[in-house]
Amino acid sequence: MATFAQLLARQQQQQKLQTTLGKAELGTAAELEKQDINRAISDYQTAVEEAERGMRKQAKKRSKWGGIGKAIGLGLTALTPIGALGGAALTSLLQYGGASSVGDYRKYIKGTLGDGLFYKQARADFDTDLASTNTFIQEAADSQRLANIYNALGTAISTYTQADALKSIGTDVRNLTRGKAARQTYANPMGNLLESVDVYGEKV
């Protein structure tokens, strides 16, 4: 039969073992939570890189279609009777329409970090970074329409100031086109040489 002292010693050993196991469990839980935080940060960094690629892709497409609209407007300004003011308005509208045809980037990042008891500061820092990134995406998308308007206004001003030069280029292009259309090629009866003459039969 165990004595009172033996029972007390056994109880103390059991309490010590439970304390040791409790600390081990807490250490395991903390380590698992730390791994969860690191995994969430890695997912966040991957999502940020994807957002950067998406925004650059949209910017390139926007520049491409805006440039196409601008080129069409400049061509019409040079080759048609439209005036400087009308050419400026048309070119800016075409550029704005081309750029606006590409939607802004609004793919927000979602955090994958679950609840936990440890690393409160690390969790707070992660939440702050996530919120700041999504705020940046929102503000960039909201300001894109205004940026398109500013670019179109700049194009309108440059088109208006360059209208005379564009008209001169257009006149040269039309004259060159008419000159080529007025020429005809015929076979020389005295040989196989081809000579070019204008509509009046004079050799060129």
C-alpha atoms as a PDB file:
ATOM      1  CA  MET A   1       0.000   0.000   0.000  1.00  0.00           C
ATOM      2  CA  ALA A   2       1.408   3.375  -1.076  1.00  0.00           C
ATOM      3  CA  THR A   3       2.143   5.869   1.607  1.00  0.00           C
ATOM      4  CA  PHE A   4       0.842   9.451   1.595  1.00  0.00           C
ATOM      5  CA  ALA A   5       4.305  10.700   0.619  1.00  0.00           C
ATOM      6  CA  GLN A   6       4.414   8.328  -2.348  1.00  0.00           C
ATOM      7  CA  LEU A   7       0.970   9.438  -3.517  1.00  0.00           C
ATOM      8  CA  LEU A   8       2.022  13.078  -3.233  1.00  0.00           C
ATOM      9  CA  ALA A   9       5.236  12.460  -5.170  1.00  0.00           C
ATOM     10  CA  ARG A  10       3.287  10.651  -7.894  1.00  0.00           C
ATOM     11  CA  GLN A  11       0.820  13.529  -8.168  1.00  0.00           C
ATOM     12  CA  GLN A  12       3.663  16.006  -8.451  1.00  0.00           C
ATOM     13  CA  GLN A  13       5.260  13.952 -11.223  1.00  0.00           C
ATOM     14  CA  GLN A  14       1.963  13.819 -13.117  1.00  0.00           C
ATOM     15  CA  GLN A  15       1.562  17.603 -12.832  1.00  0.00           C
ATOM     16  CA  LYS A  16       5.111  18.119 -14.054  1.00  0.00           C
ATOM     17  CA  LEU A  17       4.472  15.799 -16.993  1.00  0.00           C
ATOM     18  CA  GLN A  18       1.251  17.618 -17.877  1.00  0.00           C
ATOM     19  CA  THR A  19       3.051  20.956 -17.701  1.00  0.00           C
ATOM     20  CA  THR A  20       5.792  19.638 -19.988  1.00  0.00           C
ATOM     21  CA  LEU A  21       3.235  18.239 -22.437  1.00  0.00           C
ATOM     22  CA  GLY A  22       1.288  21.496 -22.320  1.00  0.00           C
ATOM     23  CA  LYS A  23       4.364  23.499 -23.186  1.00  0.00           C
ATOM     24  CA  ALA A  24       5.141  21.104 -25.996  1.00  0.00           C
ATOM     25  CA  GLU A  25       1.619  21.455 -27.346  1.00  0.00           C
ATOM     26  CA  LEU A  26       1.849  25.224 -27.142  1.00  0.00           C
ATOM     27  CA  GLY A  27       5.191  25.131 -28.926  1.00  0.00           C
ATOM     28  CA  THR A  28       3.708  22.933 -31.643  1.00  0.00           C
ATOM     29  CA  ALA A  29       0.696  25.226 -32.012  1.00  0.00           C
ATOM     30  CA  ALA A  30       2.944  28.260 -32.216  1.00  0.00           C
ATOM     31  CA  GLU A  31       5.121  26.607 -34.838  1.00  0.00           C
ATOM     32  CA  LEU A  32       2.090  25.611 -36.898  1.00  0.00           C
ATOM     33  CA  GLU A  33       0.764  29.161 -36.668  1.00  0.00           C
ATOM     34  CA  LYS A  34       4.128  30.524 -37.726  1.00  0.00           C
ATOM     35  CA  GLN A  35       4.069  28.242 -40.764  1.00  0.00           C
ATOM     36  CA  ASP A  36       0.542  29.455 -41.538  1.00  0.00           C
ATOM     37  CA  ILE A  37       1.719  33.070 -41.437  1.00  0.00           C
ATOM     38  CA  ASN A  38       4.687  32.334 -43.702  1.00  0.00           C
ATOM     39  CA  ARG A  39       2.407  30.520 -46.148  1.00  0.00           C
ATOM     40  CA  ALA A  40      -0.048  33.433 -46.194  1.00  0.00           C
ATOM     41  CA  ILE A  41       2.796  35.904 -46.817  1.00  0.00           C
ATOM     42  CA  SER A  42       4.084  33.768 -49.680  1.00  0.00           C
ATOM     43  CA  ASP A  43       0.581  33.629 -51.217  1.00  0.00           C
ATOM     44  CA  TYR A  44       0.316  37.406 -50.817  1.00  0.00           C
ATOM     45  CA  GLN A  45       3.647  38.019 -52.568  1.00  0.00           C
ATOM     46  CA  THR A  46       2.600  35.753 -55.441  1.00  0.00           C
ATOM     47  CA  ALA A  47      -0.691  37.634 -55.760  1.00  0.00           C
ATOM     48  CA  VAL A  48       1.137  40.999 -55.778  1.00  0.00           C
ATOM     49  CA  GLU A  49       3.419  39.827 -58.590  1.00  0.00           C
ATOM     50  CA  GLU A  50       0.366  38.643 -60.542  1.00  0.00           C
ATOM     51  CA  ALA A  51      -1.305  42.032 -60.023  1.00  0.00           C
ATOM     52  CA  GLU A  52       1.801  43.857 -61.256  1.00  0.00           C
ATOM     53  CA  ARG A  53       1.882  41.716 -64.410  1.00  0.00           C
ATOM     54  CA  GLY A  54      -1.828  42.292 -64.959  1.00  0.00           C
ATOM     55  CA  MET A  55      -1.497  46.065 -64.601  1.00  0.00           C
ATOM     56  CA  ARG A  56       1.478  46.190 -66.988  1.00  0.00           C
ATOM     57  CA  LYS A  57      -0.417  44.074 -69.519  1.00  0.00           C
ATOM     58  CA  GLN A  58      -3.444  46.355 -69.339  1.00  0.00           C
ATOM     59  CA  ALA A  59      -1.208  49.428 -69.706  1.00  0.00           C
ATOM     60  CA  LYS A  60       0.414  48.015 -72.860  1.00  0.00           C
ATOM     61  CA  LYS A  61      -2.961  47.191 -74.400  1.00  0.00           C
ATOM     62  CA  ARG A  62      -4.277  50.632 -73.462  1.00  0.00           C
ATOM     63  CA  SER A  63      -1.264  52.317 -75.062  1.00  0.00           C
ATOM     64  CA  LYS A  64      -1.627  50.185 -78.194  1.00  0.00           C
ATOM     65  CA  TRP A  65      -5.290  50.928 -78.810  1.00  0.00           C
ATOM     66  CA  GLY A  66      -4.922  54.567 -77.836  1.00  0.00           C
ATOM     67  CA  GLY A  67      -2.043  54.861 -80.311  1.00  0.00           C
ATOM     68  CA  ILE A  68      -4.121  53.262 -83.067  1.00  0.00           C
ATOM     69  CA  GLY A  69      -6.953  55.722 -82.463  1.00  0.00           C
ATOM     70  CA  LYS A  70      -4.513  58.624 -82.488  1.00  0.00           C
ATOM     71  CA  ALA A  71      -2.903  57.455 -85.737  1.00  0.00           C
ATOM     72  CA  ILE A  72      -6.292  57.188 -87.446  1.00  0.00           C
ATOM     73  CA  GLY A  73      -7.202  60.685 -86.282  1.00  0.00           C
ATOM     74  CA  LEU A  74      -3.925  62.166 -87.501  1.00  0.00           C
ATOM     75  CA  GLY A  75      -4.353  60.457 -90.863  1.00  0.00           C
ATOM     76  CA  LEU A  76      -7.870  61.816 -91.285  1.00  0.00           C
ATOM     77  CA  THR A  77      -6.682  65.282 -90.274  1.00  0.00           C
ATOM     78  CA  ALA A  78      -3.947  65.176 -92.905  1.00  0.00           C
ATOM     79  CA  LEU A  79      -5.913  63.619 -95.782  1.00  0.00           C
ATOM     80  CA  THR A  80      -9.394  65.111 -95.433  1.00  0.00           C
ATOM     81  CA  PRO A  81     -10.739  68.677 -95.592  1.00  0.00           C
ATOM     82  CA  ILE A  82     -11.417  68.657 -91.848  1.00  0.00           C
ATOM     83  CA  GLY A  83     -10.073  71.764 -90.141  1.00  0.00           C
ATOM     84  CA  ALA A  84      -7.501  72.049 -87.380  1.00  0.00           C
ATOM     85  CA  LEU A  85     -10.089  72.250 -84.610  1.00  0.00           C
ATOM     86  CA  GLY A  86     -12.107  69.366 -85.993  1.00  0.00           C
ATOM     87  CA  GLY A  87      -8.974  67.271 -86.484  1.00  0.00           C
ATOM     88  CA  ALA A  88      -7.884  67.934 -82.910  1.00  0.00           C
ATOM     89  CA  ALA A  89     -11.290  66.921 -81.566  1.00  0.00           C
ATOM     90  CA  LEU A  90     -11.496  63.820 -83.750  1.00  0.00           C
ATOM     91  CA  THR A  91      -7.980  62.631 -82.941  1.00  0.00           C
ATOM     92  CA  SER A  92      -8.415  63.093 -79.193  1.00  0.00           C
ATOM     93  CA  LEU A  93     -11.769  61.294 -79.228  1.00  0.00           C
ATOM     94  CA  LEU A  94     -10.357  58.364 -81.168  1.00  0.00           C
ATOM     95  CA  GLN A  95      -7.396  58.097 -78.822  1.00  0.00           C
ATOM     96  CA  TYR A  96      -9.625  58.302 -75.756  1.00  0.00           C
ATOM     97  CA  GLY A  97     -11.978  55.699 -77.197  1.00  0.00           C
ATOM     98  CA  GLY A  98      -9.113  53.327 -77.963  1.00  0.00           C
ATOM     99  CA  ALA A  99      -7.569  53.675 -74.514  1.00  0.00           C
ATOM    100  CA  SER A 100     -10.921  53.431 -72.740  1.00  0.00           C
ATOM    101  CA  SER A 101     -11.762  50.214 -74.601  1.00  0.00           C
ATOM    102  CA  VAL A 102      -9.241  48.476 -72.318  1.00  0.00           C
ATOM    103  CA  GLY A 103     -10.707  48.052 -68.859  1.00  0.00           C
ATOM    104  CA  ASP A 104      -8.842  49.018 -65.711  1.00  0.00           C
ATOM    105  CA  TYR A 105      -7.343  46.433 -63.377  1.00  0.00           C
ATOM    106  CA  ARG A 106      -9.536  45.710 -60.354  1.00  0.00           C
ATOM    107  CA  LYS A 107      -8.497  42.249 -59.200  1.00  0.00           C
ATOM    108  CA  TYR A 108      -8.113  42.599 -55.451  1.00  0.00           C
ATOM    109  CA  ILE A 109      -5.942  40.372 -53.273  1.00  0.00           C
ATOM    110  CA  LYS A 110      -7.555  38.158 -50.651  1.00  0.00           C
ATOM    111  CA  GLY A 111      -5.634  37.104 -47.554  1.00  0.00           C
ATOM    112  CA  THR A 112      -5.324  33.409 -46.730  1.00  0.00           C
ATOM    113  CA  LEU A 113      -4.272  33.829 -43.085  1.00  0.00           C
ATOM    114  CA  GLY A 114      -6.498  32.107 -40.527  1.00  0.00           C
ATOM    115  CA  ASP A 115      -7.094  32.966 -36.891  1.00  0.00           C
ATOM    116  CA  GLY A 116      -4.468  32.327 -34.249  1.00  0.00           C
ATOM    117  CA  LEU A 117      -3.269  33.090 -30.755  1.00  0.00           C
ATOM    118  CA  PHE A 118       0.355  33.979 -31.422  1.00  0.00           C
ATOM    119  CA  TYR A 119       2.413  36.474 -33.453  1.00  0.00           C
ATOM    120  CA  LYS A 120      -0.085  39.294 -33.117  1.00  0.00           C
ATOM    121  CA  GLN A 121       2.320  41.903 -34.515  1.00  0.00           C
ATOM    122  CA  ALA A 122       3.110  39.769 -37.564  1.00  0.00           C
ATOM    123  CA  ARG A 123      -0.608  39.355 -38.171  1.00  0.00           C
ATOM    124  CA  ALA A 124      -1.215  43.090 -37.817  1.00  0.00           C
ATOM    125  CA  ASP A 125       1.621  43.861 -40.260  1.00  0.00           C
ATOM    126  CA  PHE A 126       0.227  41.372 -42.772  1.00  0.00           C
ATOM    127  CA  ASP A 127      -3.280  42.859 -42.574  1.00  0.00           C
ATOM    128  CA  THR A 128      -1.825  46.357 -43.051  1.00  0.00           C
ATOM    129  CA  ASP A 129       0.160  45.334 -46.136  1.00  0.00           C
ATOM    130  CA  LEU A 130      -2.867  43.584 -47.615  1.00  0.00           C
ATOM    131  CA  ALA A 131      -5.139  46.597 -47.077  1.00  0.00           C
ATOM    132  CA  SER A 132      -2.544  49.006 -48.491  1.00  0.00           C
ATOM    133  CA  THR A 133      -2.101  46.911 -51.623  1.00  0.00           C
ATOM    134  CA  ASN A 134      -5.828  46.712 -52.306  1.00  0.00           C
ATOM    135  CA  THR A 135      -6.162  50.453 -51.688  1.00  0.00           C
ATOM    136  CA  PHE A 136      -3.436  51.077 -54.270  1.00  0.00           C
ATOM    137  CA  ILE A 137      -5.222  48.868 -56.820  1.00  0.00           C
ATOM    138  CA  GLN A 138      -8.488  50.712 -56.163  1.00  0.00           C
ATOM    139  CA  GLU A 139      -6.936  54.172 -56.494  1.00  0.00           C
ATOM    140  CA  ALA A 140      -5.056  53.225 -59.668  1.00  0.00           C
ATOM    141  CA  ALA A 141      -8.263  51.956 -61.256  1.00  0.00           C
ATOM    142  CA  ASP A 142     -10.242  55.022 -60.197  1.00  0.00           C
ATOM    143  CA  SER A 143      -7.634  57.414 -61.614  1.00  0.00           C
ATOM    144  CA  GLN A 144      -7.281  55.642 -64.970  1.00  0.00           C
ATOM    145  CA  ARG A 145     -10.276  57.362 -66.582  1.00  0.00           C
ATOM    146  CA  LEU A 146      -8.877  60.753 -65.605  1.00  0.00           C
ATOM    147  CA  ALA A 147      -5.479  59.772 -67.023  1.00  0.00           C
ATOM    148  CA  ASN A 148      -7.149  58.819 -70.319  1.00  0.00           C
ATOM    149  CA  ILE A 149      -8.807  62.250 -70.454  1.00  0.00           C
ATOM    150  CA  TYR A 150      -5.524  64.068 -69.793  1.00  0.00           C
ATOM    151  CA  ASN A 151      -3.765  62.067 -72.523  1.00  0.00           C
ATOM    152  CA  ALA A 152      -6.564  62.842 -74.984  1.00  0.00           C
ATOM    153  CA  LEU A 153      -6.381  66.546 -74.166  1.00  0.00           C
ATOM    154  CA  GLY A 154      -2.627  66.514 -74.769  1.00  0.00           C
ATOM    155  CA  THR A 155      -3.209  64.844 -78.123  1.00  0.00           C
ATOM    156  CA  ALA A 156      -5.845  67.429 -79.048  1.00  0.00           C
ATOM    157  CA  ILE A 157      -3.439  70.285 -78.337  1.00  0.00           C
ATOM    158  CA  SER A 158      -0.563  68.730 -80.266  1.00  0.00           C
ATOM    159  CA  THR A 159      -2.817  67.883 -83.220  1.00  0.00           C
ATOM    160  CA  TYR A 160      -4.174  71.428 -83.350  1.00  0.00           C
ATOM    161  CA  THR A 161      -0.714  73.001 -83.275  1.00  0.00           C
ATOM    162  CA  GLN A 162       0.581  70.610 -85.937  1.00  0.00           C
ATOM    163  CA  ALA A 163      -2.451  70.864 -88.216  1.00  0.00           C
ATOM    164  CA  ASP A 164      -0.654  72.895 -90.903  1.00  0.00           C
ATOM    165  CA  ALA A 165       2.216  70.428 -91.038  1.00  0.00           C
ATOM    166  CA  LEU A 166      -0.226  67.531 -91.238  1.00  0.00           C
ATOM    167  CA  LYS A 167      -2.125  69.211 -94.068  1.00  0.00           C
ATOM    168  CA  SER A 168       1.147  69.752 -95.945  1.00  0.00           C
ATOM    169  CA  ILE A 169       2.016  66.086 -95.561  1.00  0.00           C
ATOM    170  CA  GLY A 170      -1.448  65.108 -96.732  1.00  0.00           C
ATOM    171  CA  THR A 171      -1.111  67.315 -99.816  1.00  0.00           C
ATOM    172  CA  ASP A 172       2.218  65.711-100.674  1.00  0.00           C
ATOM    173  CA  VAL A 173       0.727  62.241-100.276  1.00  0.00           C
ATOM    174  CA  ARG A 174      -2.228  63.073-102.520  1.00  0.00           C
ATOM    175  CA  ASN A 175       0.019  64.604-105.179  1.00  0.00           C
ATOM    176  CA  LEU A 176       2.266  61.563-105.107  1.00  0.00           C
ATOM    177  CA  THR A 177      -0.715  59.248-105.406  1.00  0.00           C
ATOM    178  CA  ARG A 178      -2.183  61.235-108.305  1.00  0.00           C
ATOM    179  CA  GLY A 179       1.195  61.321-110.035  1.00  0.00           C
ATOM    180  CA  LYS A 180       1.523  57.574-109.917  1.00  0.00           C
ATOM    181  CA  ALA A 181      -2.026  57.092-111.141  1.00  0.00           C
ATOM    182  CA  ALA A 182      -1.401  59.442-114.088  1.00  0.00           C
ATOM    183  CA  ARG A 183       1.628  57.494-115.335  1.00  0.00           C
ATOM    184  CA  GLN A 184       1.381  54.495-117.587  1.00  0.00           C
ATOM    185  CA  THR A 185       3.900  51.986-118.776  1.00  0.00           C
ATOM    186  CA  TYR A 186       4.217  50.896-122.400  1.00  0.00           C
ATOM    187  CA  ALA A 187       6.505  48.620-124.424  1.00  0.00           C
ATOM    188  CA  ASN A 188       9.030  50.321-126.706  1.00  0.00           C
ATOM    189  CA  PRO A 189       8.443  49.053-130.282  1.00  0.00           C
ATOM    190  CA  MET A 190      12.205  49.224-130.977  1.00  0.00           C
ATOM    191  CA  GLY A 191      13.134  46.914-128.125  1.00  0.00           C
ATOM    192  CA  ASN A 192      12.132  45.284-124.955  1.00  0.00           C
ATOM    193  CA  LEU A 193      12.855  48.319-122.750  1.00  0.00           C
ATOM    194  CA  LEU A 194       9.967  49.670-120.729  1.00  0.00           C
ATOM    195  CA  GLU A 195       9.647  53.401-120.581  1.00  0.00           C
ATOM    196  CA  SER A 196       7.384  55.514-118.405  1.00  0.00           C
ATOM    197  CA  VAL A 197       5.437  58.419-119.862  1.00  0.00           C
ATOM    198  CA  ASP A 198       2.921  60.812-118.464  1.00  0.00           C
ATOM    199  CA  VAL A 199      -0.588  61.309-119.856  1.00  0.00           C
ATOM    200  CA  TYR A 200       0.709  63.738-122.514  1.00  0.00           C
ATOM    201  CA  GLY A 201       3.055  61.137-123.972  1.00  0.00           C
ATOM    202  CA  GLU A 202       6.250  62.853-122.827  1.00  0.00           C
ATOM    203  CA  LYS A 203       9.040  60.602-121.599  1.00  0.00           C
ATOM    204  CA  VAL A 204       9.947  60.890-117.943  1.00  0.00           C
END
